[in-house]
Amino acid sequence: MKVGDLVVLNKSPFEYENVFGYSNGDIGIIKKKVIGQSRLYNCCIVLLLKDLKEYNIPQSYMSLLEEKC
């Protein structure tokens, strides 16, 4: 995944909106990649289209939203 990619949240353990403000099914655009100190996981700053706010979301919670051929 890279900056500008359209993504959908589909692997989050939160089925409904939670304290973090996002849930499975939300669609967003990657604005920035963040690599943590521990390097156990990568996060991205994602602009979610539902409210046009930026969220820090683990990359493992999302997948690319690709056009099907």
C-alpha atoms as a PDB file:
ATOM      1  CA  MET A   1       0.000   0.000   0.000  1.00  0.00           C
ATOM      2  CA  LYS A   2       1.177   3.495  -0.772  1.00  0.00           C
ATOM      3  CA  VAL A   3       0.080   7.078  -0.273  1.00  0.00           C
ATOM      4  CA  GLY A   4      -3.021   7.848  -2.359  1.00  0.00           C
ATOM      5  CA  ASP A   5      -4.388   4.292  -2.417  1.00  0.00           C
ATOM      6  CA  LEU A   6      -8.102   3.782  -1.802  1.00  0.00           C
ATOM      7  CA  VAL A   7      -8.618   1.247   0.996  1.00  0.00           C
ATOM      8  CA  VAL A   8     -11.455  -0.475   2.816  1.00  0.00           C
ATOM      9  CA  LEU A   9     -11.314  -1.575   6.442  1.00  0.00           C
ATOM     10  CA  ASN A  10     -12.250  -5.239   6.578  1.00  0.00           C
ATOM     11  CA  LYS A  11      -9.936  -6.977   9.030  1.00  0.00           C
ATOM     12  CA  SER A  12     -10.493  -4.816  12.092  1.00  0.00           C
ATOM     13  CA  PRO A  13     -11.502  -6.679  15.266  1.00  0.00           C
ATOM     14  CA  PHE A  14     -14.142  -3.977  15.776  1.00  0.00           C
ATOM     15  CA  GLU A  15     -17.369  -4.773  13.925  1.00  0.00           C
ATOM     16  CA  TYR A  16     -19.071  -1.577  15.048  1.00  0.00           C
ATOM     17  CA  GLU A  17     -17.773   1.948  15.565  1.00  0.00           C
ATOM     18  CA  ASN A  18     -15.596   2.059  18.667  1.00  0.00           C
ATOM     19  CA  VAL A  19     -13.591   4.543  20.700  1.00  0.00           C
ATOM     20  CA  PHE A  20     -11.158   4.842  17.776  1.00  0.00           C
ATOM     21  CA  GLY A  21     -13.929   6.068  15.455  1.00  0.00           C
ATOM     22  CA  TYR A  22     -13.620   3.501  12.670  1.00  0.00           C
ATOM     23  CA  SER A  23     -15.094   0.088  11.896  1.00  0.00           C
ATOM     24  CA  ASN A  24     -15.136  -2.571   9.195  1.00  0.00           C
ATOM     25  CA  GLY A  25     -16.598  -1.371   5.921  1.00  0.00           C
ATOM     26  CA  ASP A  26     -15.243   2.185   6.168  1.00  0.00           C
ATOM     27  CA  ILE A  27     -13.522   3.475   3.022  1.00  0.00           C
ATOM     28  CA  GLY A  28     -10.592   5.871   3.032  1.00  0.00           C
ATOM     29  CA  ILE A  29      -7.497   7.207   1.318  1.00  0.00           C
ATOM     30  CA  ILE A  30      -3.986   6.649   2.663  1.00  0.00           C
ATOM     31  CA  LYS A  31      -2.387  10.025   3.441  1.00  0.00           C
ATOM     32  CA  LYS A  32       0.842   8.912   5.135  1.00  0.00           C
ATOM     33  CA  LYS A  33       2.627   5.711   6.180  1.00  0.00           C
ATOM     34  CA  VAL A  34       3.956   5.528   9.740  1.00  0.00           C
ATOM     35  CA  ILE A  35       6.569   2.973  10.771  1.00  0.00           C
ATOM     36  CA  GLY A  36       6.625   2.289  14.503  1.00  0.00           C
ATOM     37  CA  GLN A  37       9.739   2.011  16.635  1.00  0.00           C
ATOM     38  CA  SER A  38       9.121  -1.665  17.354  1.00  0.00           C
ATOM     39  CA  ARG A  39       8.498  -2.516  13.679  1.00  0.00           C
ATOM     40  CA  LEU A  40       5.961  -5.119  14.797  1.00  0.00           C
ATOM     41  CA  TYR A  41       3.296  -3.471  12.714  1.00  0.00           C
ATOM     42  CA  ASN A  42       2.919  -0.579  10.291  1.00  0.00           C
ATOM     43  CA  CYS A  43       0.246   2.075  10.580  1.00  0.00           C
ATOM     44  CA  CYS A  44      -1.124   4.553   8.101  1.00  0.00           C
ATOM     45  CA  ILE A  45      -2.773   7.926   8.469  1.00  0.00           C
ATOM     46  CA  VAL A  46      -6.055   7.370   6.622  1.00  0.00           C
ATOM     47  CA  LEU A  47      -8.616   9.996   5.603  1.00  0.00           C
ATOM     48  CA  LEU A  48     -11.969   8.243   6.037  1.00  0.00           C
ATOM     49  CA  LEU A  49     -14.636   9.335   3.572  1.00  0.00           C
ATOM     50  CA  LYS A  50     -17.490   8.936   6.076  1.00  0.00           C
ATOM     51  CA  ASP A  51     -16.503  12.040   8.065  1.00  0.00           C
ATOM     52  CA  LEU A  52     -13.391  13.385   6.261  1.00  0.00           C
ATOM     53  CA  LYS A  53     -11.246  12.968   9.383  1.00  0.00           C
ATOM     54  CA  GLU A  54      -7.783  11.441   9.625  1.00  0.00           C
ATOM     55  CA  TYR A  55      -7.231   8.266  11.665  1.00  0.00           C
ATOM     56  CA  ASN A  56      -4.126   6.279  12.582  1.00  0.00           C
ATOM     57  CA  ILE A  57      -5.029   2.720  11.518  1.00  0.00           C
ATOM     58  CA  PRO A  58      -2.853  -0.426  11.465  1.00  0.00           C
ATOM     59  CA  GLN A  59      -2.126  -1.510   7.909  1.00  0.00           C
ATOM     60  CA  SER A  60      -3.176  -5.073   8.746  1.00  0.00           C
ATOM     61  CA  TYR A  61      -6.786  -3.851   9.277  1.00  0.00           C
ATOM     62  CA  MET A  62      -7.242  -2.761   5.660  1.00  0.00           C
ATOM     63  CA  SER A  63      -6.991  -3.926   2.101  1.00  0.00           C
ATOM     64  CA  LEU A  64      -6.856  -2.154  -1.247  1.00  0.00           C
ATOM     65  CA  LEU A  65     -10.160  -1.304  -2.831  1.00  0.00           C
ATOM     66  CA  GLU A  66      -9.550  -2.450  -6.379  1.00  0.00           C
ATOM     67  CA  GLU A  67     -11.704  -2.379  -9.422  1.00  0.00           C
ATOM     68  CA  LYS A  68     -12.734  -5.884 -10.456  1.00  0.00           C
ATOM     69  CA  CYS A  69     -11.999  -6.832 -14.046  1.00  0.00           C
END
